[in-house]
Amino acid sequence: AVAPSVEVAPKPANVEVTSAAEAFSRANLARRDGKVKEAVHLYRVLQERFAGSSEELVSRVALGRLLLDRLGDSRGALVQFNSYLASPASGALREEAMVGRALSLGRLGRSAEERAAWTALLQAFPKSTHAKRAQSRLAEFDAAR
């Protein structure tokens, strides 16, 4: 008897991209087209092959949101957001990464860390478009005491 062939998704090394910009562009296009698995794969290729590039840094937030919002992978998303926030080059997407981090922690049931994350967001970005959400969540914590 012959074993049935199993199709395996290609590893990042098999994707042909010549630059961080190309990988980032292709990943973003896949994301916009709703091709979530392809986008995740391309963001991972970007992170593996072009670590430290500006595109790779931004991809951490984009991949984090995909993992959190579309795939329900809160743990994987948290890794991406923490990685972005830990980078000395982080900046433009800091607020978004902080929100993603707080949401990830909440979905993981890590209440004390989630509370601290929302508090940190409000301290860093008091006029954030996410301020009401953060205040509401903090009020829920206070009511639960």
N, C-alpha and C. Protein backbone atom coordinates (compact mmCIF):
# COMPACT_ATOMS: atom_id res chain seq x y z
N ALA A 1 0.85 -1.19 0.00
CA ALA A 1 0.00 0.00 0.00
C ALA A 1 0.89 1.23 0.00
N VAL A 2 0.45 2.23 -0.75
CA VAL A 2 1.20 3.48 -0.84
C VAL A 2 0.58 4.49 0.12
N ALA A 3 1.42 5.13 0.91
CA ALA A 3 0.91 6.14 1.85
C ALA A 3 0.39 7.34 1.06
N PRO A 4 -0.74 7.88 1.49
CA PRO A 4 -1.26 9.05 0.79
C PRO A 4 -0.32 10.24 0.96
N SER A 5 -0.22 11.03 -0.10
CA SER A 5 0.67 12.20 0.01
C SER A 5 -0.03 13.28 0.82
N VAL A 6 0.72 13.95 1.62
CA VAL A 6 0.19 15.02 2.46
C VAL A 6 0.78 16.33 1.97
N GLU A 7 -0.10 17.29 1.71
CA GLU A 7 0.38 18.59 1.27
C GLU A 7 0.79 19.40 2.49
N VAL A 8 1.99 19.87 2.49
CA VAL A 8 2.51 20.65 3.60
C VAL A 8 2.73 22.08 3.13
N ALA A 9 2.31 23.04 3.94
CA ALA A 9 2.53 24.44 3.58
C ALA A 9 4.03 24.70 3.49
N PRO A 10 4.45 25.45 2.48
CA PRO A 10 5.88 25.70 2.35
C PRO A 10 6.43 26.48 3.53
N LYS A 11 7.65 26.18 3.88
CA LYS A 11 8.32 26.90 4.96
C LYS A 11 8.72 28.28 4.42
N PRO A 12 8.91 29.25 5.31
CA PRO A 12 9.28 30.58 4.85
C PRO A 12 10.45 30.60 3.87
N ALA A 13 11.39 29.69 4.01
CA ALA A 13 12.55 29.69 3.13
C ALA A 13 12.18 29.44 1.66
N ASN A 14 11.00 28.87 1.40
CA ASN A 14 10.60 28.54 0.04
C ASN A 14 9.92 29.70 -0.70
N VAL A 15 9.61 30.76 -0.01
CA VAL A 15 8.93 31.89 -0.64
C VAL A 15 9.97 32.80 -1.28
N GLU A 16 9.72 33.15 -2.52
CA GLU A 16 10.67 34.00 -3.24
C GLU A 16 10.33 35.48 -3.01
N VAL A 17 11.12 36.14 -2.23
CA VAL A 17 11.02 37.59 -2.06
C VAL A 17 12.43 38.14 -2.09
N THR A 18 12.60 39.27 -2.72
CA THR A 18 13.95 39.81 -2.88
C THR A 18 14.26 40.94 -1.92
N SER A 19 13.24 41.47 -1.25
CA SER A 19 13.50 42.58 -0.33
C SER A 19 12.43 42.61 0.76
N ALA A 20 12.75 43.34 1.82
CA ALA A 20 11.78 43.52 2.91
C ALA A 20 10.55 44.24 2.37
N ALA A 21 10.76 45.22 1.52
CA ALA A 21 9.63 45.99 0.97
C ALA A 21 8.70 45.08 0.16
N GLU A 22 9.27 44.17 -0.63
CA GLU A 22 8.44 43.26 -1.43
C GLU A 22 7.66 42.31 -0.52
N ALA A 23 8.32 41.75 0.47
CA ALA A 23 7.64 40.83 1.39
C ALA A 23 6.51 41.55 2.13
N PHE A 24 6.78 42.75 2.59
CA PHE A 24 5.79 43.53 3.32
C PHE A 24 4.60 43.87 2.43
N SER A 25 4.89 44.29 1.22
CA SER A 25 3.84 44.64 0.26
C SER A 25 2.95 43.43 -0.05
N ARG A 26 3.57 42.29 -0.30
CA ARG A 26 2.82 41.08 -0.61
C ARG A 26 1.98 40.62 0.58
N ALA A 27 2.54 40.72 1.79
CA ALA A 27 1.80 40.33 2.99
C ALA A 27 0.60 41.24 3.20
N ASN A 28 0.81 42.53 3.01
CA ASN A 28 -0.30 43.49 3.19
C ASN A 28 -1.39 43.25 2.16
N LEU A 29 -1.00 42.96 0.93
CA LEU A 29 -1.98 42.69 -0.12
C LEU A 29 -2.79 41.44 0.22
N ALA A 30 -2.12 40.40 0.66
CA ALA A 30 -2.81 39.17 1.05
C ALA A 30 -3.78 39.45 2.20
N ARG A 31 -3.35 40.25 3.17
CA ARG A 31 -4.20 40.60 4.31
C ARG A 31 -5.45 41.34 3.82
N ARG A 32 -5.25 42.34 2.96
CA ARG A 32 -6.40 43.12 2.44
C ARG A 32 -7.35 42.25 1.62
N ASP A 33 -6.80 41.24 0.93
CA ASP A 33 -7.62 40.35 0.12
C ASP A 33 -8.28 39.24 0.93
N GLY A 34 -8.05 39.25 2.25
CA GLY A 34 -8.66 38.24 3.11
C GLY A 34 -7.95 36.90 3.10
N LYS A 35 -6.75 36.86 2.55
CA LYS A 35 -5.96 35.62 2.51
C LYS A 35 -5.10 35.57 3.77
N VAL A 36 -5.74 35.27 4.87
CA VAL A 36 -5.11 35.37 6.18
C VAL A 36 -3.89 34.47 6.33
N LYS A 37 -4.03 33.20 5.96
CA LYS A 37 -2.90 32.28 6.11
C LYS A 37 -1.71 32.70 5.26
N GLU A 38 -1.99 33.16 4.05
CA GLU A 38 -0.91 33.63 3.18
C GLU A 38 -0.23 34.87 3.77
N ALA A 39 -1.04 35.77 4.31
CA ALA A 39 -0.49 36.98 4.92
C ALA A 39 0.38 36.63 6.12
N VAL A 40 -0.11 35.76 6.98
CA VAL A 40 0.67 35.33 8.15
C VAL A 40 1.99 34.73 7.70
N HIS A 41 1.92 33.87 6.70
CA HIS A 41 3.13 33.22 6.19
C HIS A 41 4.13 34.27 5.68
N LEU A 42 3.64 35.23 4.90
CA LEU A 42 4.53 36.25 4.34
C LEU A 42 5.11 37.17 5.41
N TYR A 43 4.32 37.50 6.42
CA TYR A 43 4.87 38.31 7.52
C TYR A 43 5.97 37.53 8.25
N ARG A 44 5.77 36.24 8.40
CA ARG A 44 6.80 35.42 9.06
C ARG A 44 8.06 35.32 8.20
N VAL A 45 7.89 35.21 6.89
CA VAL A 45 9.05 35.22 5.98
C VAL A 45 9.80 36.54 6.17
N LEU A 46 9.08 37.63 6.18
CA LEU A 46 9.68 38.95 6.36
C LEU A 46 10.46 39.00 7.68
N GLN A 47 9.86 38.51 8.74
CA GLN A 47 10.51 38.55 10.05
C GLN A 47 11.75 37.66 10.10
N GLU A 48 11.69 36.54 9.40
CA GLU A 48 12.83 35.62 9.41
C GLU A 48 13.99 36.15 8.56
N ARG A 49 13.67 36.63 7.38
CA ARG A 49 14.72 37.00 6.42
C ARG A 49 15.20 38.44 6.51
N PHE A 50 14.35 39.31 7.01
CA PHE A 50 14.72 40.74 7.01
C PHE A 50 14.59 41.34 8.40
N ALA A 51 14.99 40.57 9.40
CA ALA A 51 14.92 41.01 10.79
C ALA A 51 15.64 42.34 10.96
N GLY A 52 14.99 43.24 11.67
CA GLY A 52 15.59 44.54 11.95
C GLY A 52 15.26 45.62 10.93
N SER A 53 14.67 45.24 9.80
CA SER A 53 14.28 46.26 8.81
C SER A 53 13.05 47.01 9.34
N SER A 54 12.82 48.19 8.81
CA SER A 54 11.65 48.95 9.26
C SER A 54 10.36 48.21 8.92
N GLU A 55 10.33 47.52 7.77
CA GLU A 55 9.14 46.75 7.39
C GLU A 55 8.91 45.60 8.37
N GLU A 56 10.00 44.97 8.78
CA GLU A 56 9.88 43.85 9.72
C GLU A 56 9.33 44.34 11.05
N LEU A 57 9.78 45.50 11.50
CA LEU A 57 9.29 46.05 12.76
C LEU A 57 7.79 46.31 12.69
N VAL A 58 7.34 46.95 11.63
CA VAL A 58 5.92 47.25 11.45
C VAL A 58 5.11 45.95 11.32
N SER A 59 5.71 44.94 10.70
CA SER A 59 5.00 43.67 10.49
C SER A 59 4.62 43.02 11.82
N ARG A 60 5.35 43.31 12.87
CA ARG A 60 5.03 42.72 14.18
C ARG A 60 3.65 43.14 14.65
N VAL A 61 3.29 44.39 14.40
CA VAL A 61 1.96 44.87 14.81
C VAL A 61 0.90 44.32 13.86
N ALA A 62 1.17 44.34 12.56
CA ALA A 62 0.21 43.82 11.59
C ALA A 62 -0.06 42.33 11.82
N LEU A 63 1.01 41.56 12.04
CA LEU A 63 0.85 40.13 12.29
C LEU A 63 0.14 39.91 13.62
N GLY A 64 0.49 40.70 14.62
CA GLY A 64 -0.18 40.58 15.92
C GLY A 64 -1.69 40.75 15.80
N ARG A 65 -2.11 41.75 15.01
CA ARG A 65 -3.55 41.98 14.85
C ARG A 65 -4.21 40.83 14.09
N LEU A 66 -3.54 40.31 13.07
CA LEU A 66 -4.09 39.17 12.33
C LEU A 66 -4.26 37.96 13.26
N LEU A 67 -3.23 37.68 14.02
CA LEU A 67 -3.28 36.54 14.93
C LEU A 67 -4.40 36.72 15.95
N LEU A 68 -4.53 37.92 16.49
CA LEU A 68 -5.53 38.18 17.52
C LEU A 68 -6.94 38.22 16.94
N ASP A 69 -7.13 39.01 15.89
CA ASP A 69 -8.48 39.27 15.38
C ASP A 69 -9.02 38.18 14.46
N ARG A 70 -8.17 37.58 13.67
CA ARG A 70 -8.65 36.65 12.64
C ARG A 70 -8.40 35.19 12.98
N LEU A 71 -7.35 34.90 13.76
CA LEU A 71 -7.03 33.51 14.04
C LEU A 71 -7.23 33.12 15.51
N GLY A 72 -7.56 34.09 16.35
CA GLY A 72 -7.80 33.80 17.76
C GLY A 72 -6.57 33.32 18.51
N ASP A 73 -5.39 33.67 18.01
CA ASP A 73 -4.13 33.24 18.64
C ASP A 73 -3.62 34.38 19.53
N SER A 74 -4.21 34.49 20.71
CA SER A 74 -3.86 35.57 21.63
C SER A 74 -2.41 35.49 22.10
N ARG A 75 -1.95 34.28 22.32
CA ARG A 75 -0.56 34.09 22.80
C ARG A 75 0.43 34.52 21.72
N GLY A 76 0.20 34.10 20.48
CA GLY A 76 1.07 34.49 19.37
C GLY A 76 1.02 35.99 19.13
N ALA A 77 -0.17 36.56 19.26
CA ALA A 77 -0.33 38.00 19.09
C ALA A 77 0.47 38.75 20.16
N LEU A 78 0.37 38.29 21.40
CA LEU A 78 1.08 38.94 22.50
C LEU A 78 2.59 38.95 22.25
N VAL A 79 3.10 37.85 21.73
CA VAL A 79 4.54 37.78 21.40
C VAL A 79 4.89 38.88 20.40
N GLN A 80 4.06 39.06 19.37
CA GLN A 80 4.32 40.07 18.35
C GLN A 80 4.27 41.49 18.95
N PHE A 81 3.24 41.78 19.73
CA PHE A 81 3.11 43.12 20.32
C PHE A 81 4.26 43.41 21.29
N ASN A 82 4.58 42.43 22.13
CA ASN A 82 5.70 42.61 23.07
C ASN A 82 7.01 42.84 22.33
N SER A 83 7.19 42.12 21.26
CA SER A 83 8.41 42.26 20.46
C SER A 83 8.51 43.67 19.88
N TYR A 84 7.40 44.17 19.36
CA TYR A 84 7.40 45.54 18.80
C TYR A 84 7.73 46.55 19.91
N LEU A 85 7.04 46.42 21.03
CA LEU A 85 7.21 47.38 22.13
C LEU A 85 8.61 47.32 22.75
N ALA A 86 9.25 46.17 22.68
CA ALA A 86 10.60 46.01 23.24
C ALA A 86 11.68 46.58 22.32
N SER A 87 11.33 46.84 21.08
CA SER A 87 12.33 47.34 20.13
C SER A 87 12.62 48.81 20.38
N PRO A 88 13.90 49.18 20.43
CA PRO A 88 14.23 50.59 20.61
C PRO A 88 13.76 51.45 19.42
N ALA A 89 13.51 50.80 18.29
CA ALA A 89 13.08 51.53 17.09
C ALA A 89 11.57 51.71 17.01
N SER A 90 10.83 51.12 17.98
CA SER A 90 9.37 51.24 17.93
C SER A 90 8.97 52.70 18.13
N GLY A 91 7.86 53.07 17.56
CA GLY A 91 7.42 54.44 17.71
C GLY A 91 6.07 54.69 17.09
N ALA A 92 6.01 54.70 15.76
CA ALA A 92 4.80 55.08 15.05
C ALA A 92 3.58 54.23 15.43
N LEU A 93 3.79 52.96 15.70
CA LEU A 93 2.67 52.08 16.01
C LEU A 93 2.62 51.68 17.48
N ARG A 94 3.32 52.43 18.31
CA ARG A 94 3.39 52.11 19.73
C ARG A 94 1.99 52.03 20.38
N GLU A 95 1.16 53.02 20.08
CA GLU A 95 -0.19 53.04 20.66
C GLU A 95 -0.97 51.79 20.23
N GLU A 96 -0.94 51.47 18.93
CA GLU A 96 -1.64 50.28 18.43
C GLU A 96 -1.11 49.00 19.07
N ALA A 97 0.20 48.93 19.23
CA ALA A 97 0.80 47.75 19.85
C ALA A 97 0.38 47.64 21.32
N MET A 98 0.28 48.77 22.00
CA MET A 98 -0.14 48.75 23.41
C MET A 98 -1.59 48.28 23.53
N VAL A 99 -2.45 48.72 22.63
CA VAL A 99 -3.84 48.27 22.62
C VAL A 99 -3.90 46.77 22.35
N GLY A 100 -3.17 46.32 21.33
CA GLY A 100 -3.15 44.90 21.01
C GLY A 100 -2.65 44.06 22.16
N ARG A 101 -1.65 44.57 22.84
CA ARG A 101 -1.10 43.86 24.00
C ARG A 101 -2.16 43.73 25.10
N ALA A 102 -2.86 44.83 25.39
CA ALA A 102 -3.90 44.80 26.42
C ALA A 102 -5.01 43.82 26.04
N LEU A 103 -5.44 43.86 24.80
CA LEU A 103 -6.49 42.95 24.33
C LEU A 103 -6.02 41.49 24.42
N SER A 104 -4.79 41.23 24.03
CA SER A 104 -4.25 39.87 24.09
C SER A 104 -4.22 39.37 25.53
N LEU A 105 -3.74 40.20 26.43
CA LEU A 105 -3.69 39.81 27.84
C LEU A 105 -5.09 39.53 28.38
N GLY A 106 -6.06 40.35 27.98
CA GLY A 106 -7.44 40.14 28.41
C GLY A 106 -7.97 38.80 27.93
N ARG A 107 -7.71 38.48 26.68
CA ARG A 107 -8.20 37.22 26.12
C ARG A 107 -7.50 36.01 26.72
N LEU A 108 -6.32 36.24 27.25
CA LEU A 108 -5.58 35.15 27.91
C LEU A 108 -5.96 35.03 29.39
N GLY A 109 -6.82 35.95 29.87
CA GLY A 109 -7.26 35.91 31.25
C GLY A 109 -6.21 36.39 32.24
N ARG A 110 -5.25 37.15 31.76
CA ARG A 110 -4.17 37.66 32.63
C ARG A 110 -4.55 39.07 33.10
N SER A 111 -5.52 39.10 34.02
CA SER A 111 -6.19 40.33 34.43
C SER A 111 -5.26 41.40 35.00
N ALA A 112 -4.37 41.02 35.89
CA ALA A 112 -3.49 42.03 36.50
C ALA A 112 -2.61 42.68 35.43
N GLU A 113 -2.10 41.87 34.52
CA GLU A 113 -1.27 42.42 33.44
C GLU A 113 -2.10 43.25 32.46
N GLU A 114 -3.33 42.80 32.20
CA GLU A 114 -4.21 43.57 31.32
C GLU A 114 -4.51 44.94 31.92
N ARG A 115 -4.82 44.95 33.20
CA ARG A 115 -5.10 46.22 33.89
C ARG A 115 -3.90 47.15 33.77
N ALA A 116 -2.71 46.62 34.02
CA ALA A 116 -1.49 47.44 33.92
C ALA A 116 -1.28 47.93 32.49
N ALA A 117 -1.62 47.10 31.51
CA ALA A 117 -1.44 47.49 30.10
C ALA A 117 -2.38 48.64 29.73
N TRP A 118 -3.64 48.57 30.17
CA TRP A 118 -4.58 49.67 29.87
C TRP A 118 -4.15 50.94 30.59
N THR A 119 -3.68 50.80 31.82
CA THR A 119 -3.19 51.97 32.58
C THR A 119 -2.00 52.60 31.87
N ALA A 120 -1.07 51.77 31.41
CA ALA A 120 0.11 52.28 30.69
C ALA A 120 -0.30 52.99 29.40
N LEU A 121 -1.29 52.45 28.70
CA LEU A 121 -1.78 53.09 27.48
C LEU A 121 -2.31 54.49 27.80
N LEU A 122 -3.12 54.60 28.84
CA LEU A 122 -3.69 55.91 29.20
C LEU A 122 -2.62 56.90 29.64
N GLN A 123 -1.59 56.39 30.30
CA GLN A 123 -0.50 57.27 30.72
C GLN A 123 0.30 57.76 29.51
N ALA A 124 0.55 56.87 28.58
CA ALA A 124 1.36 57.22 27.41
C ALA A 124 0.57 58.02 26.37
N PHE A 125 -0.73 57.71 26.26
CA PHE A 125 -1.58 58.34 25.23
C PHE A 125 -2.91 58.76 25.85
N PRO A 126 -2.90 59.81 26.67
CA PRO A 126 -4.14 60.20 27.36
C PRO A 126 -5.27 60.61 26.41
N LYS A 127 -4.94 61.05 25.21
CA LYS A 127 -5.96 61.45 24.25
C LYS A 127 -6.20 60.39 23.18
N SER A 128 -5.81 59.17 23.48
CA SER A 128 -5.95 58.06 22.53
C SER A 128 -7.40 57.87 22.10
N THR A 129 -7.57 57.43 20.87
CA THR A 129 -8.91 57.05 20.41
C THR A 129 -9.39 55.81 21.16
N HIS A 130 -8.49 55.14 21.84
CA HIS A 130 -8.83 53.95 22.61
C HIS A 130 -9.01 54.27 24.10
N ALA A 131 -8.96 55.54 24.48
CA ALA A 131 -9.03 55.93 25.89
C ALA A 131 -10.34 55.48 26.54
N LYS A 132 -11.47 55.67 25.85
CA LYS A 132 -12.76 55.26 26.43
C LYS A 132 -12.81 53.77 26.68
N ARG A 133 -12.30 53.01 25.72
CA ARG A 133 -12.26 51.56 25.88
C ARG A 133 -11.41 51.19 27.09
N ALA A 134 -10.24 51.83 27.21
CA ALA A 134 -9.35 51.56 28.33
C ALA A 134 -10.01 51.93 29.66
N GLN A 135 -10.62 53.11 29.71
CA GLN A 135 -11.29 53.55 30.95
C GLN A 135 -12.44 52.63 31.33
N SER A 136 -13.18 52.19 30.33
CA SER A 136 -14.29 51.28 30.56
C SER A 136 -13.79 49.95 31.14
N ARG A 137 -12.72 49.46 30.57
CA ARG A 137 -12.16 48.18 31.04
C ARG A 137 -11.63 48.33 32.47
N LEU A 138 -10.95 49.45 32.74
CA LEU A 138 -10.44 49.70 34.10
C LEU A 138 -11.58 49.82 35.10
N ALA A 139 -12.70 50.42 34.67
CA ALA A 139 -13.87 50.53 35.54
C ALA A 139 -14.43 49.14 35.86
N GLU A 140 -14.38 48.25 34.87
CA GLU A 140 -14.84 46.86 35.10
C GLU A 140 -13.98 46.19 36.16
N PHE A 141 -12.68 46.44 36.11
CA PHE A 141 -11.77 45.86 37.12
C PHE A 141 -12.11 46.42 38.49
N ASP A 142 -12.34 47.74 38.56
CA ASP A 142 -12.64 48.37 39.85
C ASP A 142 -13.97 47.84 40.41
N ALA A 143 -14.96 47.64 39.55
CA ALA A 143 -16.27 47.14 39.99
C ALA A 143 -16.18 45.71 40.49
N ALA A 144 -15.23 44.96 39.98
CA ALA A 144 -15.07 43.55 40.36
C ALA A 144 -14.37 43.37 41.70
N ARG A 145 -13.81 44.44 42.23
CA ARG A 145 -13.07 44.34 43.50
C ARG A 145 -13.98 44.17 44.68
